[in-house]
Amino acid sequence: MDLIPVDIEEFFHYLKDKNKPVMEIELIRYFTGDYSRQGEEALFRVHFSIYHALYRLKTSAGKKGYYLHLDPMRVALVMAPDGQCAHYLPEKGEFCKKSANGTGYCTAHGFSRHDESFPTYDPLQEFYLNPDNISFGNTHILKRIMNGILIYSFRKGDIEEALVLFDLVRPDKKRIQKRYRELARKHHPDGPGGSASEMKKLNHAYNILKEVFVL
């Protein structure tokens, strides 16, 4: 299965001229036509090709002073703020607008982003930028991958907090399982120094990560 070619410069001008958030289906129709009746594998090929191009565009647009927001319901290209908090509010389609504290973010939104223990990478970006991953459209785990992508898109904050709790920067299924066993031994209420509340928090974080990182 090959990528559908998408010109990211055309992508840039399309989103810039729109000047408002657009849904993924609009991008699919504009750039690749209507694949709605061609089955899951064809849809995944289109979806993957679109997001492969979007994540390439995110990097190139950033060099031009733009921020590209990506989630399944809203794709928006906006000029990054100058001297104001760069935390983007997708529901409003705008940035925080509070005064930045020298890091590019206000106090409310910048404290954790610059913590050395905070995740500094986007797992979706890594997934979509690897063209070989389009092959998952031919496998039985496609639905689980797509479900994980949706969960990550809409619960990114919760997932990042879970990664901090697990002290993982580059998670995958095996690393998450191994780290869970280590932390469960530490926090299980039946053990010395264990805590029921910490175990509950750990289990909640584990259940979130299991739904997202299926590989």
N, C-alpha and C. Protein backbone atom coordinates (compact mmCIF):
# COMPACT_ATOMS: atom_id res chain seq x y z
N MET A 1 0.85 -1.19 0.00
CA MET A 1 0.00 0.00 0.00
C MET A 1 0.88 1.24 0.00
N ASP A 2 0.67 2.14 -0.97
CA ASP A 2 1.51 3.33 -1.11
C ASP A 2 0.77 4.58 -0.65
N LEU A 3 1.55 5.59 -0.28
CA LEU A 3 0.98 6.87 0.08
C LEU A 3 0.35 7.55 -1.13
N ILE A 4 -0.73 8.26 -0.90
CA ILE A 4 -1.30 9.12 -1.92
C ILE A 4 -0.53 10.44 -1.90
N PRO A 5 0.06 10.86 -3.02
CA PRO A 5 0.85 12.11 -3.00
C PRO A 5 -0.01 13.32 -2.66
N VAL A 6 0.49 14.14 -1.73
CA VAL A 6 -0.18 15.39 -1.36
C VAL A 6 0.87 16.49 -1.35
N ASP A 7 0.65 17.56 -2.07
CA ASP A 7 1.56 18.69 -2.14
C ASP A 7 1.37 19.54 -0.88
N ILE A 8 2.38 19.58 0.01
CA ILE A 8 2.19 20.28 1.28
C ILE A 8 2.14 21.80 1.10
N GLU A 9 2.72 22.32 0.01
CA GLU A 9 2.58 23.75 -0.25
C GLU A 9 1.14 24.09 -0.61
N GLU A 10 0.53 23.23 -1.40
CA GLU A 10 -0.89 23.42 -1.72
C GLU A 10 -1.73 23.29 -0.46
N PHE A 11 -1.35 22.34 0.39
CA PHE A 11 -2.01 22.15 1.68
C PHE A 11 -1.92 23.44 2.50
N PHE A 12 -0.72 24.01 2.55
CA PHE A 12 -0.49 25.24 3.32
C PHE A 12 -1.42 26.36 2.86
N HIS A 13 -1.47 26.60 1.56
CA HIS A 13 -2.29 27.69 1.03
C HIS A 13 -3.78 27.40 1.18
N TYR A 14 -4.17 26.13 1.06
CA TYR A 14 -5.57 25.77 1.25
C TYR A 14 -6.02 26.11 2.67
N LEU A 15 -5.24 25.69 3.67
CA LEU A 15 -5.61 25.94 5.07
C LEU A 15 -5.50 27.42 5.41
N LYS A 16 -4.49 28.09 4.88
CA LYS A 16 -4.31 29.52 5.13
C LYS A 16 -5.48 30.32 4.57
N ASP A 17 -5.91 29.98 3.36
CA ASP A 17 -7.03 30.70 2.75
C ASP A 17 -8.35 30.41 3.44
N LYS A 18 -8.49 29.20 3.99
CA LYS A 18 -9.70 28.86 4.73
C LYS A 18 -9.87 29.77 5.95
N ASN A 19 -8.75 30.01 6.63
CA ASN A 19 -8.73 30.91 7.79
C ASN A 19 -9.72 30.49 8.88
N LYS A 20 -9.97 29.18 8.98
CA LYS A 20 -10.83 28.64 10.02
C LYS A 20 -10.58 27.14 10.11
N PRO A 21 -10.93 26.50 11.22
CA PRO A 21 -10.73 25.05 11.33
C PRO A 21 -11.56 24.29 10.31
N VAL A 22 -11.00 23.19 9.81
CA VAL A 22 -11.73 22.33 8.88
C VAL A 22 -11.69 20.90 9.42
N MET A 23 -12.68 20.11 9.03
CA MET A 23 -12.72 18.71 9.44
C MET A 23 -11.90 17.86 8.48
N GLU A 24 -11.45 16.72 8.97
CA GLU A 24 -10.64 15.82 8.15
C GLU A 24 -11.36 15.43 6.86
N ILE A 25 -12.67 15.22 6.93
CA ILE A 25 -13.40 14.79 5.75
C ILE A 25 -13.33 15.83 4.63
N GLU A 26 -13.26 17.13 5.01
CA GLU A 26 -13.12 18.17 3.99
C GLU A 26 -11.79 18.05 3.26
N LEU A 27 -10.74 17.73 4.01
CA LEU A 27 -9.42 17.58 3.41
C LEU A 27 -9.38 16.36 2.49
N ILE A 28 -10.01 15.28 2.94
CA ILE A 28 -10.06 14.06 2.12
C ILE A 28 -10.76 14.34 0.79
N ARG A 29 -11.89 15.01 0.86
CA ARG A 29 -12.65 15.28 -0.37
C ARG A 29 -11.88 16.22 -1.30
N TYR A 30 -11.21 17.21 -0.73
CA TYR A 30 -10.51 18.19 -1.57
C TYR A 30 -9.28 17.60 -2.23
N PHE A 31 -8.50 16.84 -1.47
CA PHE A 31 -7.21 16.38 -1.97
C PHE A 31 -7.23 15.00 -2.62
N THR A 32 -8.18 14.16 -2.23
CA THR A 32 -8.12 12.78 -2.72
C THR A 32 -9.44 12.27 -3.28
N GLY A 33 -10.51 13.05 -3.21
CA GLY A 33 -11.79 12.57 -3.71
C GLY A 33 -12.58 11.86 -2.63
N ASP A 34 -13.68 11.23 -3.01
CA ASP A 34 -14.57 10.56 -2.06
C ASP A 34 -14.25 9.07 -2.01
N TYR A 35 -13.71 8.63 -0.84
CA TYR A 35 -13.36 7.21 -0.66
C TYR A 35 -14.35 6.52 0.29
N SER A 36 -15.48 7.15 0.54
CA SER A 36 -16.38 6.66 1.58
C SER A 36 -16.97 5.29 1.28
N ARG A 37 -16.94 4.87 0.01
CA ARG A 37 -17.56 3.58 -0.33
C ARG A 37 -16.52 2.52 -0.71
N GLN A 38 -15.26 2.74 -0.34
CA GLN A 38 -14.22 1.81 -0.77
C GLN A 38 -13.66 0.95 0.36
N GLY A 39 -14.31 0.94 1.51
CA GLY A 39 -13.89 0.05 2.58
C GLY A 39 -12.86 0.64 3.52
N GLU A 40 -12.62 -0.07 4.64
CA GLU A 40 -11.75 0.45 5.69
C GLU A 40 -10.31 0.62 5.24
N GLU A 41 -9.79 -0.31 4.47
CA GLU A 41 -8.39 -0.22 4.06
C GLU A 41 -8.15 1.00 3.18
N ALA A 42 -9.07 1.26 2.24
CA ALA A 42 -8.93 2.43 1.37
C ALA A 42 -9.04 3.71 2.19
N LEU A 43 -9.96 3.74 3.16
CA LEU A 43 -10.11 4.91 4.00
C LEU A 43 -8.86 5.15 4.84
N PHE A 44 -8.28 4.06 5.35
CA PHE A 44 -7.07 4.21 6.15
C PHE A 44 -5.93 4.75 5.29
N ARG A 45 -5.83 4.28 4.06
CA ARG A 45 -4.78 4.78 3.16
C ARG A 45 -4.93 6.29 2.96
N VAL A 46 -6.16 6.75 2.74
CA VAL A 46 -6.40 8.18 2.56
C VAL A 46 -6.09 8.94 3.85
N HIS A 47 -6.63 8.43 4.96
CA HIS A 47 -6.40 9.07 6.27
C HIS A 47 -4.91 9.19 6.56
N PHE A 48 -4.19 8.09 6.39
CA PHE A 48 -2.75 8.10 6.70
C PHE A 48 -2.01 9.07 5.79
N SER A 49 -2.35 9.08 4.50
CA SER A 49 -1.67 9.96 3.55
C SER A 49 -1.90 11.43 3.90
N ILE A 50 -3.13 11.75 4.30
CA ILE A 50 -3.45 13.13 4.69
C ILE A 50 -2.65 13.55 5.91
N TYR A 51 -2.61 12.68 6.93
CA TYR A 51 -1.91 13.05 8.16
C TYR A 51 -0.40 12.98 8.01
N HIS A 52 0.09 12.13 7.13
CA HIS A 52 1.52 12.15 6.81
C HIS A 52 1.90 13.52 6.25
N ALA A 53 1.08 14.04 5.35
CA ALA A 53 1.32 15.36 4.77
C ALA A 53 1.14 16.46 5.82
N LEU A 54 0.13 16.33 6.68
CA LEU A 54 -0.11 17.35 7.70
C LEU A 54 1.06 17.48 8.68
N TYR A 55 1.61 16.34 9.10
CA TYR A 55 2.73 16.42 10.05
C TYR A 55 3.99 16.94 9.38
N ARG A 56 4.16 16.69 8.09
CA ARG A 56 5.26 17.32 7.36
C ARG A 56 5.03 18.82 7.27
N LEU A 57 3.78 19.20 7.03
CA LEU A 57 3.43 20.61 6.95
C LEU A 57 3.61 21.31 8.29
N LYS A 58 3.31 20.60 9.37
CA LYS A 58 3.42 21.21 10.70
C LYS A 58 4.83 21.74 10.94
N THR A 59 5.82 20.97 10.51
CA THR A 59 7.21 21.40 10.68
C THR A 59 7.54 22.57 9.78
N SER A 60 7.18 22.48 8.50
CA SER A 60 7.53 23.55 7.56
C SER A 60 6.75 24.83 7.87
N ALA A 61 5.49 24.70 8.30
CA ALA A 61 4.69 25.88 8.64
C ALA A 61 5.24 26.57 9.88
N GLY A 62 5.74 25.77 10.82
CA GLY A 62 6.32 26.34 12.03
C GLY A 62 7.49 27.26 11.73
N LYS A 63 8.26 26.92 10.70
CA LYS A 63 9.40 27.76 10.30
C LYS A 63 8.94 29.09 9.70
N LYS A 64 7.67 29.14 9.28
CA LYS A 64 7.11 30.37 8.72
C LYS A 64 6.33 31.16 9.77
N GLY A 65 6.34 30.68 11.01
CA GLY A 65 5.65 31.39 12.08
C GLY A 65 4.21 30.98 12.28
N TYR A 66 3.84 29.81 11.74
CA TYR A 66 2.46 29.33 11.88
C TYR A 66 2.40 28.13 12.82
N TYR A 67 1.25 27.98 13.46
CA TYR A 67 0.97 26.80 14.27
C TYR A 67 -0.11 25.99 13.56
N LEU A 68 0.12 24.69 13.41
CA LEU A 68 -0.87 23.80 12.79
C LEU A 68 -1.46 22.92 13.87
N HIS A 69 -2.74 23.12 14.13
CA HIS A 69 -3.45 22.30 15.13
C HIS A 69 -4.08 21.11 14.43
N LEU A 70 -3.88 19.91 15.01
CA LEU A 70 -4.39 18.69 14.40
C LEU A 70 -5.22 17.89 15.39
N ASP A 71 -6.46 17.65 15.04
CA ASP A 71 -7.25 16.61 15.68
C ASP A 71 -8.33 16.21 14.68
N PRO A 72 -9.00 15.06 14.87
CA PRO A 72 -9.91 14.57 13.82
C PRO A 72 -11.05 15.52 13.49
N MET A 73 -11.44 16.38 14.44
CA MET A 73 -12.57 17.27 14.20
C MET A 73 -12.13 18.66 13.73
N ARG A 74 -10.89 19.04 14.04
CA ARG A 74 -10.44 20.39 13.71
C ARG A 74 -9.00 20.36 13.24
N VAL A 75 -8.78 20.83 12.02
CA VAL A 75 -7.43 21.07 11.52
C VAL A 75 -7.37 22.56 11.21
N ALA A 76 -6.45 23.26 11.86
CA ALA A 76 -6.42 24.72 11.71
C ALA A 76 -4.98 25.21 11.58
N LEU A 77 -4.76 26.11 10.65
CA LEU A 77 -3.47 26.76 10.47
C LEU A 77 -3.62 28.21 10.91
N VAL A 78 -2.88 28.59 11.95
CA VAL A 78 -3.02 29.93 12.51
C VAL A 78 -1.64 30.53 12.74
N MET A 79 -1.56 31.85 12.63
CA MET A 79 -0.31 32.54 12.89
C MET A 79 0.01 32.46 14.38
N ALA A 80 1.21 32.04 14.71
CA ALA A 80 1.61 31.91 16.11
C ALA A 80 1.66 33.29 16.77
N PRO A 81 1.28 33.40 18.04
CA PRO A 81 1.24 34.71 18.70
C PRO A 81 2.64 35.23 19.01
N ASP A 82 2.75 36.53 19.06
CA ASP A 82 4.02 37.18 19.38
C ASP A 82 3.91 37.83 20.75
N GLY A 83 4.63 37.27 21.72
CA GLY A 83 4.61 37.84 23.06
C GLY A 83 3.43 37.41 23.90
N GLN A 84 2.59 36.53 23.35
CA GLN A 84 1.45 36.02 24.10
C GLN A 84 1.55 34.51 24.26
N CYS A 85 0.77 33.97 25.19
CA CYS A 85 0.80 32.53 25.47
C CYS A 85 0.43 31.74 24.22
N ALA A 86 1.26 30.74 23.88
CA ALA A 86 1.06 29.94 22.66
C ALA A 86 0.20 28.71 22.89
N HIS A 87 -0.48 28.63 24.04
CA HIS A 87 -1.38 27.51 24.29
C HIS A 87 -2.64 27.71 23.45
N TYR A 88 -2.92 26.73 22.56
CA TYR A 88 -4.04 26.87 21.63
C TYR A 88 -5.31 26.26 22.21
N LEU A 89 -6.41 26.98 22.08
CA LEU A 89 -7.71 26.54 22.57
C LEU A 89 -8.57 26.16 21.36
N PRO A 90 -8.62 24.87 21.00
CA PRO A 90 -9.29 24.46 19.76
C PRO A 90 -10.79 24.77 19.74
N GLU A 91 -11.44 24.73 20.90
CA GLU A 91 -12.88 25.01 20.93
C GLU A 91 -13.17 26.44 20.51
N LYS A 92 -12.28 27.36 20.89
CA LYS A 92 -12.46 28.77 20.54
C LYS A 92 -11.75 29.14 19.24
N GLY A 93 -10.80 28.29 18.82
CA GLY A 93 -10.05 28.60 17.62
C GLY A 93 -9.09 29.74 17.80
N GLU A 94 -8.53 29.87 19.01
CA GLU A 94 -7.61 30.97 19.29
C GLU A 94 -6.62 30.57 20.37
N PHE A 95 -5.59 31.41 20.55
CA PHE A 95 -4.59 31.15 21.57
C PHE A 95 -5.04 31.74 22.90
N CYS A 96 -4.35 31.37 23.96
CA CYS A 96 -4.69 31.83 25.30
C CYS A 96 -4.71 33.36 25.39
N LYS A 97 -3.73 34.02 24.74
CA LYS A 97 -3.62 35.49 24.66
C LYS A 97 -3.09 36.16 25.92
N LYS A 98 -2.88 35.41 27.01
CA LYS A 98 -2.28 36.01 28.20
C LYS A 98 -0.80 36.28 27.93
N SER A 99 -0.24 37.14 28.72
CA SER A 99 1.16 37.50 28.54
C SER A 99 2.06 36.29 28.78
N ALA A 100 3.01 36.06 27.85
CA ALA A 100 3.94 34.94 27.99
C ALA A 100 5.01 35.29 29.01
N ASN A 101 5.54 34.25 29.66
CA ASN A 101 6.50 34.48 30.75
C ASN A 101 7.95 34.28 30.32
N GLY A 102 8.22 34.39 29.03
CA GLY A 102 9.59 34.20 28.55
C GLY A 102 9.82 32.84 27.95
N THR A 103 8.89 31.93 28.18
CA THR A 103 9.00 30.57 27.62
C THR A 103 8.05 30.39 26.44
N GLY A 104 7.23 31.40 26.17
CA GLY A 104 6.23 31.28 25.12
C GLY A 104 4.86 30.92 25.65
N TYR A 105 4.77 30.70 26.98
CA TYR A 105 3.50 30.33 27.60
C TYR A 105 3.28 31.16 28.86
N CYS A 106 2.01 31.32 29.23
CA CYS A 106 1.70 32.00 30.49
C CYS A 106 1.98 31.05 31.65
N THR A 107 1.83 31.56 32.86
CA THR A 107 2.11 30.75 34.04
C THR A 107 1.19 29.53 34.11
N ALA A 108 -0.08 29.71 33.76
CA ALA A 108 -1.04 28.62 33.85
C ALA A 108 -0.75 27.49 32.88
N HIS A 109 -0.21 27.81 31.70
CA HIS A 109 -0.03 26.78 30.68
C HIS A 109 1.43 26.39 30.45
N GLY A 110 2.35 27.09 31.06
CA GLY A 110 3.75 26.82 30.76
C GLY A 110 4.52 26.02 31.77
N PHE A 111 3.95 25.82 32.97
CA PHE A 111 4.76 25.22 34.03
C PHE A 111 5.19 23.81 33.72
N SER A 112 4.30 22.97 33.18
CA SER A 112 4.65 21.57 32.96
C SER A 112 5.36 21.35 31.64
N ARG A 113 5.18 22.25 30.69
CA ARG A 113 5.78 22.05 29.37
C ARG A 113 7.30 22.12 29.43
N HIS A 114 7.82 22.78 30.44
CA HIS A 114 9.27 22.95 30.52
C HIS A 114 9.88 22.16 31.66
N ASP A 115 9.08 21.27 32.24
CA ASP A 115 9.58 20.34 33.23
C ASP A 115 10.38 19.27 32.49
N GLU A 116 11.57 18.96 32.98
CA GLU A 116 12.43 17.99 32.28
C GLU A 116 11.79 16.62 32.20
N SER A 117 10.86 16.32 33.11
CA SER A 117 10.24 14.99 33.12
C SER A 117 9.03 14.92 32.19
N PHE A 118 8.63 16.04 31.62
CA PHE A 118 7.42 16.06 30.80
C PHE A 118 7.72 15.53 29.41
N PRO A 119 6.81 14.73 28.83
CA PRO A 119 7.05 14.21 27.48
C PRO A 119 7.26 15.33 26.47
N THR A 120 8.24 15.15 25.59
CA THR A 120 8.59 16.21 24.65
C THR A 120 8.37 15.78 23.21
N TYR A 121 7.66 14.68 23.01
CA TYR A 121 7.44 14.24 21.65
C TYR A 121 5.97 13.90 21.44
N ASP A 122 5.58 13.86 20.20
CA ASP A 122 4.21 13.56 19.83
C ASP A 122 4.18 12.17 19.21
N PRO A 123 3.60 11.18 19.89
CA PRO A 123 3.60 9.82 19.33
C PRO A 123 2.85 9.72 18.01
N LEU A 124 1.83 10.55 17.83
CA LEU A 124 1.11 10.53 16.55
C LEU A 124 2.01 11.02 15.42
N GLN A 125 2.83 12.02 15.72
CA GLN A 125 3.75 12.51 14.71
C GLN A 125 4.73 11.42 14.28
N GLU A 126 5.26 10.70 15.26
CA GLU A 126 6.18 9.60 14.94
C GLU A 126 5.48 8.52 14.12
N PHE A 127 4.24 8.24 14.44
CA PHE A 127 3.49 7.21 13.73
C PHE A 127 3.24 7.62 12.29
N TYR A 128 2.75 8.84 12.09
CA TYR A 128 2.36 9.27 10.75
C TYR A 128 3.55 9.63 9.86
N LEU A 129 4.64 10.07 10.43
CA LEU A 129 5.78 10.45 9.59
C LEU A 129 6.55 9.24 9.07
N ASN A 130 6.30 8.07 9.63
CA ASN A 130 6.94 6.85 9.12
C ASN A 130 6.04 6.25 8.04
N PRO A 131 6.40 6.41 6.76
CA PRO A 131 5.52 5.94 5.68
C PRO A 131 5.25 4.44 5.72
N ASP A 132 6.13 3.66 6.36
CA ASP A 132 5.91 2.21 6.44
C ASP A 132 4.66 1.86 7.24
N ASN A 133 4.23 2.78 8.13
CA ASN A 133 3.08 2.48 8.96
C ASN A 133 1.76 2.46 8.19
N ILE A 134 1.80 2.87 6.95
CA ILE A 134 0.58 2.77 6.14
C ILE A 134 0.19 1.30 5.94
N SER A 135 1.14 0.39 6.14
CA SER A 135 0.89 -1.04 5.98
C SER A 135 -0.09 -1.57 7.02
N PHE A 136 -0.31 -0.83 8.12
CA PHE A 136 -1.25 -1.30 9.13
C PHE A 136 -2.68 -1.32 8.61
N GLY A 137 -2.91 -0.67 7.46
CA GLY A 137 -4.23 -0.72 6.86
C GLY A 137 -4.61 -2.11 6.40
N ASN A 138 -3.62 -3.02 6.33
CA ASN A 138 -3.88 -4.40 5.90
C ASN A 138 -3.91 -5.39 7.06
N THR A 139 -3.94 -4.91 8.29
CA THR A 139 -3.83 -5.82 9.42
C THR A 139 -5.08 -5.82 10.28
N HIS A 140 -5.17 -6.82 11.16
CA HIS A 140 -6.34 -6.97 12.02
C HIS A 140 -6.35 -5.96 13.16
N ILE A 141 -5.23 -5.27 13.39
CA ILE A 141 -5.19 -4.32 14.51
C ILE A 141 -5.52 -2.90 14.08
N LEU A 142 -5.96 -2.73 12.83
CA LEU A 142 -6.27 -1.39 12.34
C LEU A 142 -7.26 -0.66 13.23
N LYS A 143 -8.35 -1.33 13.62
CA LYS A 143 -9.38 -0.67 14.43
C LYS A 143 -8.82 -0.22 15.78
N ARG A 144 -7.94 -1.02 16.36
CA ARG A 144 -7.35 -0.64 17.65
C ARG A 144 -6.43 0.56 17.48
N ILE A 145 -5.68 0.59 16.39
CA ILE A 145 -4.80 1.74 16.13
C ILE A 145 -5.62 3.01 15.98
N MET A 146 -6.67 2.95 15.16
CA MET A 146 -7.49 4.12 14.93
C MET A 146 -8.19 4.57 16.20
N ASN A 147 -8.63 3.62 17.01
CA ASN A 147 -9.25 3.96 18.29
C ASN A 147 -8.25 4.67 19.19
N GLY A 148 -7.00 4.16 19.22
CA GLY A 148 -5.96 4.80 20.02
C GLY A 148 -5.66 6.20 19.55
N ILE A 149 -5.67 6.42 18.23
CA ILE A 149 -5.42 7.75 17.68
C ILE A 149 -6.52 8.72 18.12
N LEU A 150 -7.76 8.29 18.08
CA LEU A 150 -8.86 9.14 18.50
C LEU A 150 -8.76 9.48 19.98
N ILE A 151 -8.45 8.47 20.79
CA ILE A 151 -8.33 8.71 22.24
C ILE A 151 -7.21 9.70 22.51
N TYR A 152 -6.07 9.52 21.84
CA TYR A 152 -4.95 10.43 22.07
C TYR A 152 -5.32 11.85 21.67
N SER A 153 -6.02 12.00 20.55
CA SER A 153 -6.37 13.33 20.06
C SER A 153 -7.25 14.08 21.04
N PHE A 154 -8.20 13.37 21.65
CA PHE A 154 -9.17 14.03 22.51
C PHE A 154 -8.79 14.02 23.99
N ARG A 155 -7.82 13.17 24.39
CA ARG A 155 -7.44 13.10 25.81
C ARG A 155 -5.94 13.28 25.97
N LYS A 156 -5.37 14.14 25.15
CA LYS A 156 -3.92 14.30 25.14
C LYS A 156 -3.38 14.69 26.51
N GLY A 157 -4.07 15.61 27.21
CA GLY A 157 -3.60 16.04 28.52
C GLY A 157 -3.55 14.89 29.52
N ASP A 158 -4.62 14.08 29.55
CA ASP A 158 -4.66 12.93 30.47
C ASP A 158 -3.55 11.93 30.15
N ILE A 159 -3.31 11.73 28.86
CA ILE A 159 -2.29 10.76 28.45
C ILE A 159 -0.90 11.26 28.81
N GLU A 160 -0.66 12.54 28.64
CA GLU A 160 0.65 13.08 28.99
C GLU A 160 0.88 13.01 30.51
N GLU A 161 -0.17 13.24 31.30
CA GLU A 161 -0.05 13.10 32.75
C GLU A 161 0.25 11.65 33.12
N ALA A 162 -0.37 10.70 32.41
CA ALA A 162 -0.12 9.29 32.67
C ALA A 162 1.32 8.92 32.34
N LEU A 163 1.86 9.50 31.27
CA LEU A 163 3.25 9.22 30.90
C LEU A 163 4.22 9.78 31.93
N VAL A 164 3.88 10.93 32.50
CA VAL A 164 4.71 11.49 33.57
C VAL A 164 4.69 10.57 34.78
N LEU A 165 3.48 10.08 35.16
CA LEU A 165 3.37 9.16 36.29
C LEU A 165 4.19 7.90 36.06
N PHE A 166 4.17 7.38 34.81
CA PHE A 166 4.93 6.17 34.48
C PHE A 166 6.40 6.47 34.21
N ASP A 167 6.75 7.75 34.15
CA ASP A 167 8.12 8.18 33.88
C ASP A 167 8.63 7.58 32.57
N LEU A 168 7.79 7.71 31.53
CA LEU A 168 8.13 7.20 30.21
C LEU A 168 8.12 8.35 29.20
N VAL A 169 9.17 8.42 28.39
CA VAL A 169 9.26 9.46 27.37
C VAL A 169 8.94 8.90 25.99
N ARG A 170 9.36 7.66 25.72
CA ARG A 170 9.10 7.04 24.43
C ARG A 170 8.38 5.71 24.66
N PRO A 171 7.08 5.77 24.95
CA PRO A 171 6.35 4.57 25.35
C PRO A 171 6.01 3.65 24.19
N ASP A 172 5.92 2.38 24.50
CA ASP A 172 5.29 1.40 23.62
C ASP A 172 4.64 0.37 24.54
N LYS A 173 3.95 -0.59 23.96
CA LYS A 173 3.17 -1.54 24.75
C LYS A 173 4.02 -2.28 25.77
N LYS A 174 5.19 -2.77 25.37
CA LYS A 174 6.04 -3.55 26.28
C LYS A 174 6.59 -2.69 27.41
N ARG A 175 7.03 -1.47 27.09
CA ARG A 175 7.58 -0.59 28.13
C ARG A 175 6.51 -0.20 29.14
N ILE A 176 5.29 0.04 28.66
CA ILE A 176 4.19 0.40 29.56
C ILE A 176 3.86 -0.76 30.49
N GLN A 177 3.79 -1.96 29.96
CA GLN A 177 3.47 -3.14 30.79
C GLN A 177 4.56 -3.38 31.83
N LYS A 178 5.81 -3.26 31.42
CA LYS A 178 6.92 -3.48 32.34
C LYS A 178 6.91 -2.44 33.46
N ARG A 179 6.69 -1.18 33.07
CA ARG A 179 6.69 -0.11 34.07
C ARG A 179 5.49 -0.23 35.01
N TYR A 180 4.36 -0.70 34.49
CA TYR A 180 3.20 -0.89 35.34
C TYR A 180 3.49 -1.93 36.43
N ARG A 181 4.11 -3.03 36.05
CA ARG A 181 4.44 -4.07 37.04
C ARG A 181 5.38 -3.53 38.12
N GLU A 182 6.35 -2.72 37.70
CA GLU A 182 7.28 -2.14 38.67
C GLU A 182 6.56 -1.21 39.65
N LEU A 183 5.70 -0.35 39.12
CA LEU A 183 4.99 0.61 39.97
C LEU A 183 3.92 -0.08 40.81
N ALA A 184 3.31 -1.15 40.30
CA ALA A 184 2.29 -1.87 41.06
C ALA A 184 2.92 -2.52 42.29
N ARG A 185 4.12 -3.06 42.12
CA ARG A 185 4.81 -3.65 43.29
C ARG A 185 5.10 -2.57 44.35
N LYS A 186 5.38 -1.39 43.89
CA LYS A 186 5.71 -0.29 44.81
C LYS A 186 4.48 0.25 45.53
N HIS A 187 3.34 0.36 44.82
CA HIS A 187 2.18 1.05 45.37
C HIS A 187 1.07 0.13 45.84
N HIS A 188 1.17 -1.17 45.62
CA HIS A 188 0.07 -2.06 46.01
C HIS A 188 -0.18 -1.93 47.52
N PRO A 189 -1.44 -1.72 47.91
CA PRO A 189 -1.74 -1.49 49.34
C PRO A 189 -1.39 -2.64 50.26
N ASP A 190 -1.19 -3.84 49.73
CA ASP A 190 -0.83 -4.98 50.57
C ASP A 190 0.67 -5.01 50.87
N GLY A 191 1.43 -4.17 50.20
CA GLY A 191 2.87 -4.16 50.39
C GLY A 191 3.32 -3.06 51.33
N PRO A 192 4.58 -3.10 51.78
CA PRO A 192 5.10 -2.05 52.67
C PRO A 192 5.16 -0.71 51.94
N GLY A 193 4.57 0.31 52.57
CA GLY A 193 4.58 1.64 51.97
C GLY A 193 3.57 1.81 50.85
N GLY A 194 2.70 0.80 50.66
CA GLY A 194 1.72 0.86 49.58
C GLY A 194 0.60 1.83 49.89
N SER A 195 -0.16 2.17 48.86
CA SER A 195 -1.23 3.15 49.02
C SER A 195 -2.37 2.80 48.08
N ALA A 196 -3.58 2.68 48.63
CA ALA A 196 -4.75 2.36 47.81
C ALA A 196 -5.03 3.48 46.82
N SER A 197 -4.87 4.73 47.27
CA SER A 197 -5.15 5.86 46.37
C SER A 197 -4.15 5.93 45.24
N GLU A 198 -2.86 5.67 45.54
CA GLU A 198 -1.84 5.68 44.49
C GLU A 198 -2.04 4.53 43.51
N MET A 199 -2.49 3.38 44.03
CA MET A 199 -2.74 2.24 43.17
C MET A 199 -3.92 2.51 42.24
N LYS A 200 -4.92 3.19 42.78
CA LYS A 200 -6.07 3.56 41.96
C LYS A 200 -5.66 4.52 40.85
N LYS A 201 -4.81 5.48 41.19
CA LYS A 201 -4.32 6.44 40.20
C LYS A 201 -3.48 5.72 39.14
N LEU A 202 -2.66 4.77 39.59
CA LEU A 202 -1.81 4.02 38.67
C LEU A 202 -2.66 3.20 37.69
N ASN A 203 -3.68 2.52 38.21
CA ASN A 203 -4.55 1.71 37.35
C ASN A 203 -5.30 2.56 36.33
N HIS A 204 -5.73 3.73 36.76
CA HIS A 204 -6.43 4.65 35.86
C HIS A 204 -5.50 5.07 34.72
N ALA A 205 -4.26 5.43 35.06
CA ALA A 205 -3.28 5.83 34.04
C ALA A 205 -2.96 4.67 33.11
N TYR A 206 -2.84 3.48 33.67
CA TYR A 206 -2.51 2.30 32.86
C TYR A 206 -3.62 1.99 31.85
N ASN A 207 -4.87 2.11 32.28
CA ASN A 207 -5.99 1.83 31.39
C ASN A 207 -6.03 2.82 30.22
N ILE A 208 -5.68 4.07 30.50
CA ILE A 208 -5.63 5.07 29.43
C ILE A 208 -4.53 4.72 28.43
N LEU A 209 -3.33 4.42 28.94
CA LEU A 209 -2.19 4.16 28.06
C LEU A 209 -2.40 2.88 27.24
N LYS A 210 -3.06 1.88 27.81
CA LYS A 210 -3.29 0.63 27.08
C LYS A 210 -4.16 0.85 25.86
N GLU A 211 -5.09 1.81 25.94
CA GLU A 211 -5.99 2.08 24.82
C GLU A 211 -5.30 2.80 23.68
N VAL A 212 -4.21 3.50 23.99
CA VAL A 212 -3.55 4.34 22.99
C VAL A 212 -2.36 3.62 22.35
N PHE A 213 -1.49 3.08 23.19
CA PHE A 213 -0.24 2.49 22.69
C PHE A 213 -0.42 0.99 22.53
N VAL A 214 -0.96 0.61 21.39
CA VAL A 214 -1.31 -0.79 21.16
C VAL A 214 -0.19 -1.57 20.47
N LEU A 215 0.88 -0.90 20.08
CA LEU A 215 1.98 -1.55 19.36
C LEU A 215 3.17 -1.75 20.29
